[in-house]
Each structure stands twice: as structure tokens, then as C-alpha cells.
N, C-alpha and C. Protein backbone atom coordinates (compact mmCIF):
# COMPACT_ATOMS: atom_id res chain seq x y z
N LEU A 1 -30.50 65.80 20.45
CA LEU A 1 -30.38 64.45 19.94
C LEU A 1 -31.19 64.36 18.65
N ASP A 2 -30.54 63.99 17.56
CA ASP A 2 -31.26 63.85 16.29
C ASP A 2 -31.97 62.50 16.24
N SER A 3 -32.76 62.28 15.18
CA SER A 3 -33.55 61.04 15.11
C SER A 3 -32.67 59.80 15.05
N GLU A 4 -31.53 59.89 14.39
CA GLU A 4 -30.63 58.74 14.32
C GLU A 4 -30.05 58.44 15.70
N GLY A 5 -29.68 59.47 16.43
CA GLY A 5 -29.16 59.29 17.78
C GLY A 5 -30.20 58.71 18.71
N ALA A 6 -31.45 59.17 18.58
CA ALA A 6 -32.53 58.65 19.40
C ALA A 6 -32.76 57.17 19.09
N ARG A 7 -32.73 56.83 17.81
CA ARG A 7 -32.91 55.44 17.41
C ARG A 7 -31.82 54.55 17.99
N ASP A 8 -30.56 55.01 17.89
CA ASP A 8 -29.44 54.24 18.43
C ASP A 8 -29.58 54.07 19.94
N CYS A 9 -30.01 55.13 20.61
CA CYS A 9 -30.20 55.08 22.06
C CYS A 9 -31.26 54.04 22.43
N LEU A 10 -32.38 54.03 21.70
CA LEU A 10 -33.44 53.07 21.97
C LEU A 10 -32.99 51.65 21.68
N LEU A 11 -32.21 51.46 20.64
CA LEU A 11 -31.74 50.13 20.29
C LEU A 11 -30.81 49.57 21.36
N ARG A 12 -30.12 50.43 22.08
CA ARG A 12 -29.19 49.99 23.12
C ARG A 12 -29.87 49.78 24.46
N LYS A 13 -31.08 50.31 24.64
CA LYS A 13 -31.75 50.18 25.93
C LYS A 13 -32.11 48.72 26.20
N SER A 14 -31.70 48.25 27.34
CA SER A 14 -32.05 46.89 27.74
C SER A 14 -33.49 46.87 28.24
N VAL A 15 -34.23 45.87 27.82
CA VAL A 15 -35.60 45.69 28.30
C VAL A 15 -35.70 44.43 29.16
N ALA A 16 -34.56 43.86 29.51
CA ALA A 16 -34.54 42.67 30.38
C ALA A 16 -35.20 43.01 31.71
N GLY A 17 -36.13 42.17 32.13
CA GLY A 17 -36.81 42.37 33.40
C GLY A 17 -37.96 43.36 33.36
N GLU A 18 -38.09 44.12 32.28
CA GLU A 18 -39.19 45.07 32.17
C GLU A 18 -40.50 44.30 32.00
N ILE A 19 -41.59 44.85 32.53
CA ILE A 19 -42.90 44.24 32.37
C ILE A 19 -43.56 44.87 31.15
N VAL A 20 -43.78 44.05 30.12
CA VAL A 20 -44.28 44.52 28.83
C VAL A 20 -45.68 43.97 28.59
N LEU A 21 -46.64 44.87 28.38
CA LEU A 21 -48.00 44.47 28.01
C LEU A 21 -48.16 44.61 26.51
N ILE A 22 -48.57 43.53 25.86
CA ILE A 22 -48.79 43.52 24.41
C ILE A 22 -50.25 43.13 24.16
N THR A 23 -51.01 44.03 23.55
CA THR A 23 -52.39 43.70 23.17
C THR A 23 -52.37 43.03 21.80
N GLY A 24 -53.34 42.16 21.57
CA GLY A 24 -53.39 41.45 20.30
C GLY A 24 -52.23 40.50 20.11
N ALA A 25 -51.84 39.81 21.19
CA ALA A 25 -50.62 38.99 21.17
C ALA A 25 -50.86 37.52 20.81
N ALA A 26 -52.08 37.15 20.43
CA ALA A 26 -52.35 35.75 20.12
C ALA A 26 -51.86 35.33 18.74
N SER A 27 -51.65 36.29 17.86
CA SER A 27 -51.24 35.94 16.50
C SER A 27 -50.61 37.14 15.81
N GLY A 28 -50.09 36.89 14.62
CA GLY A 28 -49.58 37.95 13.77
C GLY A 28 -48.46 38.78 14.39
N ILE A 29 -48.53 40.08 14.16
CA ILE A 29 -47.51 41.01 14.64
C ILE A 29 -47.37 40.95 16.15
N GLY A 30 -48.49 40.88 16.87
CA GLY A 30 -48.44 40.84 18.33
C GLY A 30 -47.68 39.65 18.86
N LYS A 31 -47.88 38.49 18.24
CA LYS A 31 -47.17 37.28 18.66
C LYS A 31 -45.67 37.43 18.38
N LEU A 32 -45.34 37.97 17.22
CA LEU A 32 -43.93 38.19 16.88
C LEU A 32 -43.27 39.18 17.84
N ILE A 33 -43.99 40.23 18.20
CA ILE A 33 -43.47 41.21 19.16
C ILE A 33 -43.23 40.52 20.51
N ALA A 34 -44.15 39.67 20.92
CA ALA A 34 -43.98 38.94 22.19
C ALA A 34 -42.70 38.10 22.16
N PHE A 35 -42.45 37.41 21.05
CA PHE A 35 -41.23 36.61 20.94
C PHE A 35 -39.99 37.48 21.02
N GLU A 36 -40.02 38.63 20.39
CA GLU A 36 -38.85 39.52 20.42
C GLU A 36 -38.57 40.02 21.84
N PHE A 37 -39.61 40.41 22.56
CA PHE A 37 -39.41 40.84 23.95
C PHE A 37 -38.97 39.66 24.82
N ALA A 38 -39.48 38.46 24.54
CA ALA A 38 -39.05 37.27 25.29
C ALA A 38 -37.56 37.01 25.08
N LYS A 39 -37.11 37.16 23.85
CA LYS A 39 -35.68 36.98 23.56
C LYS A 39 -34.82 38.00 24.31
N GLN A 40 -35.41 39.15 24.62
CA GLN A 40 -34.70 40.20 25.35
C GLN A 40 -34.88 40.07 26.87
N ARG A 41 -35.54 38.96 27.31
CA ARG A 41 -35.69 38.62 28.73
C ARG A 41 -36.68 39.52 29.48
N SER A 42 -37.67 40.05 28.78
CA SER A 42 -38.72 40.84 29.43
C SER A 42 -39.76 39.91 30.06
N ARG A 43 -40.47 40.43 31.05
CA ARG A 43 -41.64 39.74 31.61
C ARG A 43 -42.84 40.17 30.77
N LEU A 44 -43.66 39.22 30.35
CA LEU A 44 -44.71 39.53 29.38
C LEU A 44 -46.11 39.40 29.96
N VAL A 45 -46.92 40.41 29.68
CA VAL A 45 -48.35 40.38 29.95
C VAL A 45 -49.00 40.42 28.58
N LEU A 46 -49.73 39.36 28.26
CA LEU A 46 -50.25 39.17 26.90
C LEU A 46 -51.77 39.23 26.91
N TRP A 47 -52.33 40.12 26.10
CA TRP A 47 -53.78 40.28 26.03
C TRP A 47 -54.28 39.90 24.65
N ASP A 48 -55.42 39.21 24.62
CA ASP A 48 -56.10 38.94 23.37
C ASP A 48 -57.48 38.38 23.68
N ILE A 49 -58.37 38.46 22.73
CA ILE A 49 -59.71 37.88 22.88
C ILE A 49 -59.69 36.38 22.61
N ASN A 50 -58.65 35.91 21.93
CA ASN A 50 -58.51 34.51 21.53
C ASN A 50 -57.80 33.73 22.64
N LYS A 51 -58.59 33.01 23.45
CA LYS A 51 -58.06 32.30 24.62
C LYS A 51 -56.99 31.28 24.26
N SER A 52 -57.27 30.40 23.31
CA SER A 52 -56.29 29.37 22.97
C SER A 52 -55.05 29.99 22.34
N GLY A 53 -55.23 31.01 21.52
CA GLY A 53 -54.09 31.67 20.88
C GLY A 53 -53.18 32.37 21.88
N ILE A 54 -53.77 33.04 22.85
CA ILE A 54 -52.96 33.79 23.83
C ILE A 54 -52.25 32.83 24.78
N GLU A 55 -52.91 31.71 25.11
CA GLU A 55 -52.25 30.71 25.95
C GLU A 55 -51.09 30.05 25.20
N GLU A 56 -51.25 29.82 23.91
CA GLU A 56 -50.17 29.25 23.09
C GLU A 56 -48.99 30.22 23.01
N THR A 57 -49.27 31.50 22.79
CA THR A 57 -48.19 32.49 22.75
C THR A 57 -47.45 32.52 24.08
N ALA A 58 -48.19 32.52 25.18
CA ALA A 58 -47.56 32.54 26.51
C ALA A 58 -46.68 31.31 26.71
N GLU A 59 -47.18 30.15 26.34
CA GLU A 59 -46.41 28.91 26.51
C GLU A 59 -45.14 28.94 25.65
N ASP A 60 -45.26 29.40 24.42
CA ASP A 60 -44.08 29.50 23.54
C ASP A 60 -43.05 30.47 24.11
N CYS A 61 -43.51 31.56 24.71
CA CYS A 61 -42.58 32.52 25.32
C CYS A 61 -41.93 31.93 26.57
N ARG A 62 -42.69 31.18 27.35
CA ARG A 62 -42.12 30.53 28.54
C ARG A 62 -41.00 29.56 28.15
N LYS A 63 -41.15 28.91 27.00
CA LYS A 63 -40.11 28.01 26.51
C LYS A 63 -38.80 28.75 26.23
N LEU A 64 -38.90 30.06 26.04
CA LEU A 64 -37.71 30.89 25.86
C LEU A 64 -37.14 31.34 27.20
N GLY A 65 -37.75 30.90 28.30
CA GLY A 65 -37.21 31.15 29.63
C GLY A 65 -37.71 32.40 30.32
N VAL A 66 -38.86 32.93 29.91
CA VAL A 66 -39.37 34.15 30.55
C VAL A 66 -40.74 33.90 31.17
N GLU A 67 -41.12 34.80 32.07
CA GLU A 67 -42.47 34.77 32.64
C GLU A 67 -43.42 35.36 31.61
N ALA A 68 -44.56 34.69 31.41
CA ALA A 68 -45.57 35.19 30.48
C ALA A 68 -46.95 34.96 31.10
N TYR A 69 -47.73 36.01 31.16
CA TYR A 69 -49.04 35.99 31.79
C TYR A 69 -50.12 36.28 30.75
N PRO A 70 -50.88 35.26 30.32
CA PRO A 70 -51.93 35.50 29.33
C PRO A 70 -53.24 35.93 29.99
N TYR A 71 -53.90 36.89 29.39
CA TYR A 71 -55.21 37.35 29.85
C TYR A 71 -56.14 37.45 28.65
N VAL A 72 -57.35 36.91 28.82
CA VAL A 72 -58.36 37.05 27.78
C VAL A 72 -59.05 38.39 28.00
N VAL A 73 -58.96 39.26 27.00
CA VAL A 73 -59.50 40.61 27.09
C VAL A 73 -60.20 40.95 25.78
N ASP A 74 -61.41 41.47 25.87
CA ASP A 74 -62.08 42.01 24.69
C ASP A 74 -61.76 43.50 24.66
N CYS A 75 -60.81 43.87 23.85
CA CYS A 75 -60.34 45.26 23.81
C CYS A 75 -61.36 46.23 23.22
N SER A 76 -62.49 45.71 22.73
CA SER A 76 -63.54 46.62 22.27
C SER A 76 -64.43 47.06 23.43
N LEU A 77 -64.22 46.48 24.61
CA LEU A 77 -65.04 46.81 25.78
C LEU A 77 -64.19 47.52 26.83
N LYS A 78 -64.47 48.79 27.04
CA LYS A 78 -63.72 49.60 28.01
C LYS A 78 -63.73 48.95 29.39
N GLU A 79 -64.88 48.44 29.82
CA GLU A 79 -64.99 47.84 31.15
C GLU A 79 -64.09 46.61 31.28
N ASP A 80 -63.98 45.83 30.22
CA ASP A 80 -63.11 44.65 30.22
C ASP A 80 -61.65 45.08 30.35
N ILE A 81 -61.26 46.10 29.61
CA ILE A 81 -59.90 46.63 29.67
C ILE A 81 -59.58 47.07 31.09
N TYR A 82 -60.47 47.86 31.69
CA TYR A 82 -60.22 48.40 33.02
C TYR A 82 -60.16 47.30 34.08
N SER A 83 -61.07 46.32 34.02
CA SER A 83 -61.07 45.27 35.05
C SER A 83 -59.85 44.36 34.92
N VAL A 84 -59.45 44.03 33.70
CA VAL A 84 -58.27 43.18 33.53
C VAL A 84 -57.00 43.95 33.91
N ALA A 85 -56.96 45.24 33.61
CA ALA A 85 -55.80 46.06 34.00
C ALA A 85 -55.62 46.05 35.52
N GLU A 86 -56.73 46.11 36.24
CA GLU A 86 -56.67 46.06 37.71
C GLU A 86 -56.12 44.71 38.17
N LYS A 87 -56.56 43.64 37.52
CA LYS A 87 -56.08 42.29 37.85
C LYS A 87 -54.58 42.16 37.55
N VAL A 88 -54.14 42.71 36.41
CA VAL A 88 -52.72 42.67 36.04
C VAL A 88 -51.88 43.36 37.10
N LYS A 89 -52.33 44.52 37.55
CA LYS A 89 -51.57 45.26 38.57
C LYS A 89 -51.40 44.41 39.83
N LYS A 90 -52.45 43.70 40.24
CA LYS A 90 -52.38 42.84 41.43
C LYS A 90 -51.52 41.61 41.19
N ASP A 91 -51.67 40.99 40.01
CA ASP A 91 -50.97 39.74 39.71
C ASP A 91 -49.50 39.92 39.37
N VAL A 92 -49.19 40.97 38.61
CA VAL A 92 -47.86 41.11 38.02
C VAL A 92 -47.13 42.36 38.48
N GLY A 93 -47.84 43.47 38.65
CA GLY A 93 -47.22 44.73 39.02
C GLY A 93 -47.45 45.80 37.96
N ASP A 94 -46.68 46.86 38.05
CA ASP A 94 -46.81 47.98 37.12
C ASP A 94 -46.17 47.66 35.78
N ILE A 95 -46.88 47.99 34.73
CA ILE A 95 -46.39 47.81 33.37
C ILE A 95 -45.32 48.87 33.09
N THR A 96 -44.23 48.47 32.47
CA THR A 96 -43.19 49.42 32.07
C THR A 96 -43.38 49.87 30.63
N ILE A 97 -43.68 48.90 29.77
CA ILE A 97 -43.82 49.17 28.33
C ILE A 97 -45.18 48.65 27.87
N LEU A 98 -45.95 49.51 27.22
CA LEU A 98 -47.24 49.13 26.65
C LEU A 98 -47.12 49.12 25.14
N VAL A 99 -47.44 47.99 24.53
CA VAL A 99 -47.48 47.88 23.07
C VAL A 99 -48.94 47.69 22.67
N ASN A 100 -49.56 48.76 22.19
CA ASN A 100 -50.94 48.75 21.72
C ASN A 100 -50.96 48.18 20.31
N ASN A 101 -51.25 46.90 20.18
CA ASN A 101 -51.19 46.25 18.88
C ASN A 101 -52.53 45.67 18.44
N ALA A 102 -53.48 45.50 19.35
CA ALA A 102 -54.75 44.86 19.00
C ALA A 102 -55.39 45.56 17.81
N GLY A 103 -55.91 44.75 16.90
CA GLY A 103 -56.59 45.32 15.74
C GLY A 103 -57.39 44.26 15.01
N VAL A 104 -58.44 44.70 14.35
CA VAL A 104 -59.23 43.80 13.52
C VAL A 104 -59.34 44.40 12.13
N ALA A 105 -59.55 43.54 11.16
CA ALA A 105 -59.66 43.99 9.77
C ALA A 105 -60.72 43.16 9.07
N THR A 106 -61.12 43.63 7.93
CA THR A 106 -62.04 42.88 7.08
C THR A 106 -61.50 42.88 5.66
N THR A 107 -61.79 41.82 4.95
CA THR A 107 -61.35 41.76 3.56
C THR A 107 -62.39 42.35 2.61
N ALA A 108 -63.58 42.63 3.13
CA ALA A 108 -64.63 43.22 2.31
C ALA A 108 -64.35 44.70 2.07
N ASP A 109 -64.86 45.22 0.96
CA ASP A 109 -64.71 46.65 0.74
C ASP A 109 -65.69 47.41 1.64
N LEU A 110 -65.46 48.69 1.81
CA LEU A 110 -66.20 49.52 2.75
C LEU A 110 -67.71 49.46 2.51
N LEU A 111 -68.13 49.54 1.28
CA LEU A 111 -69.57 49.61 0.99
C LEU A 111 -70.31 48.31 1.26
N SER A 112 -69.60 47.19 1.30
CA SER A 112 -70.28 45.92 1.59
C SER A 112 -70.03 45.43 3.01
N THR A 113 -69.37 46.24 3.83
CA THR A 113 -69.10 45.88 5.22
C THR A 113 -70.32 46.23 6.07
N GLN A 114 -70.75 45.29 6.89
CA GLN A 114 -71.91 45.49 7.76
C GLN A 114 -71.60 46.53 8.84
N ASP A 115 -72.62 47.25 9.27
CA ASP A 115 -72.46 48.28 10.30
C ASP A 115 -71.83 47.72 11.57
N LYS A 116 -72.26 46.53 11.97
CA LYS A 116 -71.72 45.92 13.20
C LYS A 116 -70.21 45.69 13.08
N GLN A 117 -69.75 45.26 11.91
CA GLN A 117 -68.32 45.02 11.69
C GLN A 117 -67.54 46.34 11.69
N ILE A 118 -68.11 47.37 11.07
CA ILE A 118 -67.46 48.69 11.07
C ILE A 118 -67.32 49.19 12.51
N GLN A 119 -68.36 49.03 13.32
CA GLN A 119 -68.30 49.46 14.72
C GLN A 119 -67.22 48.69 15.48
N LYS A 120 -67.12 47.37 15.24
CA LYS A 120 -66.09 46.55 15.91
C LYS A 120 -64.69 47.02 15.51
N ILE A 121 -64.50 47.30 14.22
CA ILE A 121 -63.20 47.79 13.74
C ILE A 121 -62.85 49.10 14.44
N TYR A 122 -63.80 50.00 14.52
CA TYR A 122 -63.57 51.29 15.19
C TYR A 122 -63.27 51.09 16.68
N ASP A 123 -64.06 50.25 17.33
CA ASP A 123 -63.88 50.03 18.77
C ASP A 123 -62.51 49.45 19.10
N VAL A 124 -62.04 48.49 18.30
CA VAL A 124 -60.75 47.85 18.57
C VAL A 124 -59.58 48.68 18.04
N ASN A 125 -59.68 49.14 16.81
CA ASN A 125 -58.54 49.81 16.17
C ASN A 125 -58.34 51.25 16.62
N ILE A 126 -59.37 51.89 17.13
CA ILE A 126 -59.26 53.29 17.56
C ILE A 126 -59.46 53.40 19.08
N LEU A 127 -60.67 53.10 19.53
CA LEU A 127 -61.00 53.32 20.94
C LEU A 127 -60.18 52.47 21.90
N ALA A 128 -59.94 51.21 21.56
CA ALA A 128 -59.18 50.34 22.47
C ALA A 128 -57.79 50.91 22.75
N HIS A 129 -57.14 51.45 21.74
CA HIS A 129 -55.81 52.04 21.95
C HIS A 129 -55.90 53.20 22.93
N PHE A 130 -56.97 53.96 22.84
CA PHE A 130 -57.18 55.07 23.78
C PHE A 130 -57.46 54.54 25.18
N TRP A 131 -58.43 53.61 25.32
CA TRP A 131 -58.80 53.10 26.64
C TRP A 131 -57.61 52.44 27.34
N VAL A 132 -56.86 51.63 26.62
CA VAL A 132 -55.70 50.97 27.24
C VAL A 132 -54.67 52.01 27.67
N SER A 133 -54.45 53.01 26.83
CA SER A 133 -53.42 54.03 27.12
C SER A 133 -53.74 54.88 28.33
N ILE A 134 -55.03 55.11 28.61
CA ILE A 134 -55.37 55.99 29.74
C ILE A 134 -55.72 55.22 31.01
N THR A 135 -55.63 53.90 30.98
CA THR A 135 -55.96 53.09 32.15
C THR A 135 -54.97 53.36 33.27
N GLU A 136 -55.48 53.89 34.37
CA GLU A 136 -54.63 54.28 35.50
C GLU A 136 -53.88 53.10 36.11
N ASN A 137 -54.44 51.93 36.09
CA ASN A 137 -53.83 50.77 36.75
C ASN A 137 -52.58 50.25 36.04
N LEU A 138 -52.29 50.74 34.84
CA LEU A 138 -51.14 50.22 34.11
C LEU A 138 -49.85 50.97 34.42
N ASN A 139 -49.90 52.27 34.62
CA ASN A 139 -48.72 53.07 35.02
C ASN A 139 -47.49 52.84 34.16
N PHE A 140 -47.64 52.70 32.85
CA PHE A 140 -46.51 52.41 31.98
C PHE A 140 -45.62 53.64 31.78
N LYS A 141 -44.36 53.38 31.42
CA LYS A 141 -43.40 54.45 31.14
C LYS A 141 -43.25 54.70 29.65
N TYR A 142 -43.36 53.65 28.85
CA TYR A 142 -43.16 53.75 27.41
C TYR A 142 -44.39 53.21 26.69
N LEU A 143 -44.77 53.87 25.60
CA LEU A 143 -45.95 53.49 24.83
C LEU A 143 -45.58 53.31 23.37
N VAL A 144 -45.99 52.18 22.80
CA VAL A 144 -45.81 51.92 21.37
C VAL A 144 -47.19 51.63 20.80
N ASN A 145 -47.62 52.41 19.82
CA ASN A 145 -48.90 52.16 19.14
C ASN A 145 -48.62 51.59 17.76
N ILE A 146 -49.22 50.45 17.48
CA ILE A 146 -49.11 49.81 16.17
C ILE A 146 -50.39 50.14 15.41
N ARG A 147 -50.25 50.65 14.21
CA ARG A 147 -51.42 51.00 13.40
C ARG A 147 -51.58 49.96 12.31
N ASN A 148 -52.75 49.35 12.25
CA ASN A 148 -53.07 48.46 11.14
C ASN A 148 -54.38 48.92 10.52
N SER A 149 -54.52 48.68 9.24
CA SER A 149 -55.74 49.13 8.58
C SER A 149 -56.88 48.18 8.88
N GLY A 150 -58.07 48.71 8.96
CA GLY A 150 -59.22 47.89 9.27
C GLY A 150 -60.16 47.69 8.10
N LEU A 151 -60.11 48.60 7.13
CA LEU A 151 -61.02 48.52 5.99
C LEU A 151 -60.26 48.68 4.69
N LYS A 152 -60.72 47.98 3.70
CA LYS A 152 -60.16 48.13 2.36
C LYS A 152 -61.05 49.12 1.60
N LEU A 153 -60.47 50.21 1.16
CA LEU A 153 -61.24 51.19 0.40
C LEU A 153 -61.01 50.99 -1.08
N ASN A 154 -62.09 50.93 -1.85
CA ASN A 154 -61.98 50.79 -3.31
C ASN A 154 -62.47 52.04 -3.99
């Protein structure tokens, strides 16, 4: 199967009824991805550190007629990821599709970025994708990693 054939195959795959976990779903790309999966009739598990944002995304998706489960998760904390993943398994079931989208960025250039901010960028943009991906309680079949830049280099 060539890349074009694989792409066509994926585009035809129905995701209706699949349980999709999207990290960073309170705004931006994550929110748009949630809407797209909602339009395809997927069940949504939505993670973000922004409580009001993730609840708003879930409510907007429910208006499209799907189940949406918002969870407040600090993806920079491995323990938070693992404990919420265990809760998701109990509340919703096994994840079918994982979309690792959570990310943070700064508008400052690298040399003026504080150490604490650099650590947060690394923890969310690099380590969180790893921790979420290896979490045993998720048991996902498909993985999508979204890469966003965290620092502006001058």
C-alpha cells in the first residue's frame, strides 16, 4: 500500500462510536479536532488544564449530539496523567484513538525566556506526549501526535 492508498484508506475509516481522547482540547487546534470528531459521531474524552475551556468544548460537542467527557488534567505532571487515565477507564472505557495535542508556547525569544517557562514547555510539549502514550489504562489502538513549537528562536 503506497502513501496515497494509506491516506485514502484512513479517510474512509469510520470513527463513529470510537472513544477519542484529545489532550489540549480547551482551545485552538485541540478544540477544532474535538469538533471534527464530534461531527463524525465519536465519543469524546477531552483533557486540558483550563477547566472552563474544556467544559465549554464538551458542551459545544454535546450540542452536536455526541457524548463528551471533560477532565481537568495538568499534562506536565505524570501523576496527574496516570490518575486521570485510570478514572477515564472506569468512567468511559478503553480509548480507541489518542490525539496528543497538548502544548504550550511563549512569544518571548529563547534567551529572555525564564527557566521555569522553558521547563514547563519541555514538560508539556515533550514529556506529556510520552507519559500519555505509555499510560497502560488508556489501551488505545491509534495514536496521533500533534507537534507545535514552544519557543521562538532568533
